Amino acid sequence: YTDMVLQMTVFPGFGGQSMVEEAIKNISVIRDMIGDKDLEVDGGITAENVDVLVKEGANVIVSGSGIFKYDDISIAADNLRKAANGGIF
């Protein structure tokens, strides 16, 4: 009984890490296991890599440094959202 599953895509502990590429494989496996429940991913997520995560089945995206390292966080968040939706930023 769950509403959401979290797949960490970095080693938990501190921000600013690069995504662990091996974690991407787990997303489609988890998606198959949980059906239409929410699948959250967190860690190293940027506008440059979010599309892969969404294609694999993630539907809740957490991005800290991928947004807050930029001067204009509003534009960074918009770019992440567009990329997650298959758009070009």
N, C-alpha and C. Protein backbone atom coordinates (compact mmCIF):
# COMPACT_ATOMS: atom_id res chain seq x y z
N TYR A 1 0.84 -1.18 0.00
CA TYR A 1 0.00 0.00 0.00
C TYR A 1 0.88 1.24 0.00
N THR A 2 0.89 1.90 -1.12
CA THR A 2 1.73 3.10 -1.23
C THR A 2 1.12 4.05 -2.24
N ASP A 3 1.43 5.30 -2.09
CA ASP A 3 0.99 6.31 -3.03
C ASP A 3 2.11 6.74 -3.96
N MET A 4 3.36 6.60 -3.48
CA MET A 4 4.51 7.09 -4.24
C MET A 4 5.75 6.30 -3.86
N VAL A 5 6.62 6.10 -4.85
CA VAL A 5 7.92 5.48 -4.62
C VAL A 5 8.98 6.49 -5.03
N LEU A 6 10.03 6.60 -4.23
CA LEU A 6 11.14 7.50 -4.51
C LEU A 6 12.35 6.68 -4.96
N GLN A 7 12.87 7.02 -6.14
CA GLN A 7 14.12 6.45 -6.63
C GLN A 7 15.18 7.55 -6.54
N MET A 8 16.14 7.37 -5.65
CA MET A 8 17.25 8.30 -5.57
C MET A 8 18.19 8.03 -6.75
N THR A 9 18.64 9.10 -7.38
CA THR A 9 19.54 8.95 -8.52
C THR A 9 20.93 9.51 -8.22
N VAL A 10 21.19 9.70 -6.93
CA VAL A 10 22.51 10.03 -6.40
C VAL A 10 22.67 9.26 -5.09
N PHE A 11 23.83 9.35 -4.50
CA PHE A 11 24.03 8.79 -3.17
C PHE A 11 23.58 9.84 -2.16
N PRO A 12 22.55 9.56 -1.37
CA PRO A 12 22.00 10.57 -0.46
C PRO A 12 23.07 11.14 0.49
N GLY A 13 22.91 12.42 0.78
CA GLY A 13 23.80 13.02 1.75
C GLY A 13 24.15 14.46 1.48
N PHE A 14 24.34 14.83 0.23
CA PHE A 14 24.68 16.22 -0.06
C PHE A 14 24.27 16.58 -1.47
N GLY A 15 23.99 17.86 -1.68
CA GLY A 15 23.53 18.34 -2.98
C GLY A 15 24.67 18.55 -3.96
N GLY A 16 24.29 18.73 -5.22
CA GLY A 16 25.25 19.05 -6.26
C GLY A 16 25.93 17.87 -6.92
N GLN A 17 25.51 16.64 -6.58
CA GLN A 17 26.12 15.47 -7.18
C GLN A 17 25.62 15.26 -8.60
N SER A 18 26.41 14.55 -9.38
CA SER A 18 25.97 14.11 -10.70
C SER A 18 25.11 12.87 -10.55
N MET A 19 24.19 12.69 -11.48
CA MET A 19 23.30 11.54 -11.44
C MET A 19 24.10 10.25 -11.63
N VAL A 20 23.73 9.23 -10.88
CA VAL A 20 24.30 7.90 -11.03
C VAL A 20 23.53 7.22 -12.17
N GLU A 21 24.19 7.04 -13.29
CA GLU A 21 23.53 6.54 -14.49
C GLU A 21 22.89 5.16 -14.29
N GLU A 22 23.48 4.34 -13.44
CA GLU A 22 22.92 3.00 -13.20
C GLU A 22 21.53 3.07 -12.58
N ALA A 23 21.23 4.16 -11.90
CA ALA A 23 19.92 4.29 -11.25
C ALA A 23 18.79 4.44 -12.27
N ILE A 24 19.13 4.87 -13.47
CA ILE A 24 18.10 5.07 -14.51
C ILE A 24 17.42 3.75 -14.85
N LYS A 25 18.18 2.65 -14.85
CA LYS A 25 17.62 1.34 -15.17
C LYS A 25 16.49 0.96 -14.23
N ASN A 26 16.58 1.39 -12.98
CA ASN A 26 15.58 1.02 -11.98
C ASN A 26 14.22 1.66 -12.23
N ILE A 27 14.21 2.77 -12.92
CA ILE A 27 12.96 3.53 -13.07
C ILE A 27 11.91 2.72 -13.81
N SER A 28 12.26 2.13 -14.94
CA SER A 28 11.26 1.35 -15.68
C SER A 28 10.84 0.10 -14.92
N VAL A 29 11.77 -0.49 -14.17
CA VAL A 29 11.44 -1.67 -13.36
C VAL A 29 10.43 -1.29 -12.28
N ILE A 30 10.71 -0.19 -11.60
CA ILE A 30 9.80 0.27 -10.55
C ILE A 30 8.45 0.64 -11.15
N ARG A 31 8.47 1.32 -12.29
CA ARG A 31 7.21 1.71 -12.94
C ARG A 31 6.35 0.48 -13.20
N ASP A 32 6.95 -0.60 -13.69
CA ASP A 32 6.21 -1.83 -13.94
C ASP A 32 5.64 -2.41 -12.65
N MET A 33 6.34 -2.25 -11.55
CA MET A 33 5.90 -2.80 -10.27
C MET A 33 4.75 -2.01 -9.65
N ILE A 34 4.75 -0.70 -9.83
CA ILE A 34 3.78 0.13 -9.09
C ILE A 34 2.61 0.62 -9.95
N GLY A 35 2.63 0.32 -11.22
CA GLY A 35 1.51 0.73 -12.07
C GLY A 35 1.38 2.23 -12.16
N ASP A 36 0.18 2.73 -11.85
CA ASP A 36 -0.08 4.17 -12.03
C ASP A 36 0.21 5.01 -10.80
N LYS A 37 0.86 4.44 -9.80
CA LYS A 37 1.27 5.23 -8.62
C LYS A 37 2.37 6.21 -9.03
N ASP A 38 2.56 7.25 -8.21
CA ASP A 38 3.60 8.23 -8.50
C ASP A 38 4.98 7.62 -8.31
N LEU A 39 5.88 7.97 -9.23
CA LEU A 39 7.28 7.55 -9.16
C LEU A 39 8.15 8.80 -9.19
N GLU A 40 8.71 9.11 -8.04
CA GLU A 40 9.52 10.32 -7.85
C GLU A 40 10.99 9.99 -8.03
N VAL A 41 11.72 10.88 -8.69
CA VAL A 41 13.16 10.75 -8.81
C VAL A 41 13.82 12.00 -8.24
N ASP A 42 14.96 11.80 -7.60
CA ASP A 42 15.63 12.90 -6.92
C ASP A 42 17.12 12.67 -6.95
N GLY A 43 17.84 13.66 -7.51
CA GLY A 43 19.30 13.61 -7.46
C GLY A 43 19.97 13.81 -8.80
N GLY A 44 20.67 14.92 -8.94
CA GLY A 44 21.43 15.19 -10.15
C GLY A 44 20.58 15.46 -11.37
N ILE A 45 19.35 15.89 -11.17
CA ILE A 45 18.43 16.07 -12.29
C ILE A 45 18.52 17.49 -12.83
N THR A 46 18.71 17.56 -14.14
CA THR A 46 18.84 18.83 -14.83
C THR A 46 17.96 18.83 -16.07
N ALA A 47 17.86 19.97 -16.71
CA ALA A 47 17.10 20.06 -17.96
C ALA A 47 17.74 19.20 -19.04
N GLU A 48 19.01 18.89 -18.90
CA GLU A 48 19.71 18.09 -19.91
C GLU A 48 19.44 16.59 -19.77
N ASN A 49 19.01 16.12 -18.60
CA ASN A 49 18.82 14.68 -18.44
C ASN A 49 17.41 14.27 -18.01
N VAL A 50 16.54 15.20 -17.72
CA VAL A 50 15.21 14.87 -17.19
C VAL A 50 14.35 14.10 -18.18
N ASP A 51 14.54 14.33 -19.46
CA ASP A 51 13.70 13.65 -20.47
C ASP A 51 13.86 12.14 -20.40
N VAL A 52 15.06 11.65 -20.14
CA VAL A 52 15.30 10.21 -20.04
C VAL A 52 14.52 9.63 -18.87
N LEU A 53 14.50 10.33 -17.77
CA LEU A 53 13.81 9.86 -16.57
C LEU A 53 12.30 9.78 -16.80
N VAL A 54 11.77 10.78 -17.45
CA VAL A 54 10.33 10.80 -17.74
C VAL A 54 9.98 9.68 -18.73
N LYS A 55 10.81 9.49 -19.74
CA LYS A 55 10.56 8.42 -20.71
C LYS A 55 10.58 7.05 -20.05
N GLU A 56 11.40 6.89 -19.03
CA GLU A 56 11.48 5.62 -18.31
C GLU A 56 10.31 5.41 -17.36
N GLY A 57 9.58 6.49 -17.03
CA GLY A 57 8.39 6.32 -16.20
C GLY A 57 8.27 7.22 -14.99
N ALA A 58 9.26 8.06 -14.73
CA ALA A 58 9.16 8.98 -13.60
C ALA A 58 8.11 10.05 -13.89
N ASN A 59 7.33 10.41 -12.88
CA ASN A 59 6.33 11.46 -13.08
C ASN A 59 6.37 12.54 -12.00
N VAL A 60 7.26 12.41 -11.03
CA VAL A 60 7.49 13.45 -10.02
C VAL A 60 8.99 13.70 -10.02
N ILE A 61 9.38 14.94 -10.30
CA ILE A 61 10.79 15.29 -10.46
C ILE A 61 11.22 16.24 -9.34
N VAL A 62 12.34 15.91 -8.69
CA VAL A 62 12.91 16.79 -7.67
C VAL A 62 14.27 17.25 -8.20
N SER A 63 14.46 18.56 -8.25
CA SER A 63 15.74 19.10 -8.71
C SER A 63 16.11 20.28 -7.83
N GLY A 64 17.22 20.15 -7.14
CA GLY A 64 17.72 21.24 -6.31
C GLY A 64 18.76 22.05 -7.06
N SER A 65 19.96 21.51 -7.14
CA SER A 65 21.05 22.21 -7.81
C SER A 65 20.76 22.44 -9.28
N GLY A 66 19.96 21.57 -9.89
CA GLY A 66 19.61 21.72 -11.29
C GLY A 66 18.80 22.98 -11.56
N ILE A 67 18.30 23.59 -10.51
CA ILE A 67 17.56 24.86 -10.62
C ILE A 67 18.30 25.97 -9.89
N PHE A 68 18.68 25.71 -8.65
CA PHE A 68 19.18 26.79 -7.79
C PHE A 68 20.62 27.21 -8.07
N LYS A 69 21.33 26.48 -8.91
CA LYS A 69 22.69 26.92 -9.23
C LYS A 69 22.69 28.03 -10.28
N TYR A 70 21.53 28.31 -10.86
CA TYR A 70 21.42 29.35 -11.89
C TYR A 70 21.00 30.67 -11.28
N ASP A 71 21.41 31.76 -11.90
CA ASP A 71 21.05 33.09 -11.40
C ASP A 71 19.55 33.33 -11.45
N ASP A 72 18.92 32.90 -12.52
CA ASP A 72 17.47 33.08 -12.67
C ASP A 72 16.79 31.74 -12.49
N ILE A 73 16.35 31.45 -11.26
CA ILE A 73 15.76 30.14 -10.98
C ILE A 73 14.42 29.96 -11.67
N SER A 74 13.75 31.04 -11.98
CA SER A 74 12.48 30.94 -12.70
C SER A 74 12.69 30.37 -14.10
N ILE A 75 13.68 30.89 -14.79
CA ILE A 75 14.00 30.38 -16.13
C ILE A 75 14.50 28.94 -16.04
N ALA A 76 15.33 28.66 -15.05
CA ALA A 76 15.85 27.29 -14.89
C ALA A 76 14.72 26.31 -14.64
N ALA A 77 13.76 26.68 -13.80
CA ALA A 77 12.61 25.81 -13.54
C ALA A 77 11.76 25.62 -14.79
N ASP A 78 11.56 26.69 -15.54
CA ASP A 78 10.81 26.59 -16.79
C ASP A 78 11.53 25.68 -17.79
N ASN A 79 12.84 25.80 -17.88
CA ASN A 79 13.61 24.94 -18.78
C ASN A 79 13.49 23.47 -18.38
N LEU A 80 13.54 23.21 -17.08
CA LEU A 80 13.40 21.84 -16.59
C LEU A 80 12.01 21.30 -16.93
N ARG A 81 11.00 22.10 -16.71
CA ARG A 81 9.62 21.70 -16.99
C ARG A 81 9.43 21.41 -18.49
N LYS A 82 9.94 22.31 -19.32
CA LYS A 82 9.83 22.11 -20.78
C LYS A 82 10.55 20.84 -21.20
N ALA A 83 11.74 20.62 -20.69
CA ALA A 83 12.50 19.43 -21.06
C ALA A 83 11.79 18.16 -20.59
N ALA A 84 11.19 18.20 -19.41
CA ALA A 84 10.46 17.05 -18.89
C ALA A 84 9.25 16.73 -19.76
N ASN A 85 8.69 17.73 -20.37
CA ASN A 85 7.53 17.55 -21.23
C ASN A 85 7.90 17.31 -22.69
N GLY A 86 9.18 17.03 -22.93
CA GLY A 86 9.64 16.70 -24.28
C GLY A 86 9.96 17.90 -25.14
N GLY A 87 9.91 19.09 -24.54
CA GLY A 87 10.21 20.30 -25.30
C GLY A 87 11.67 20.63 -25.30
N ILE A 88 12.01 21.54 -26.13
CA ILE A 88 13.38 22.04 -26.20
C ILE A 88 13.41 23.37 -25.47
N PHE A 89 14.41 23.55 -24.65
CA PHE A 89 14.48 24.79 -23.86
C PHE A 89 15.44 25.78 -24.44
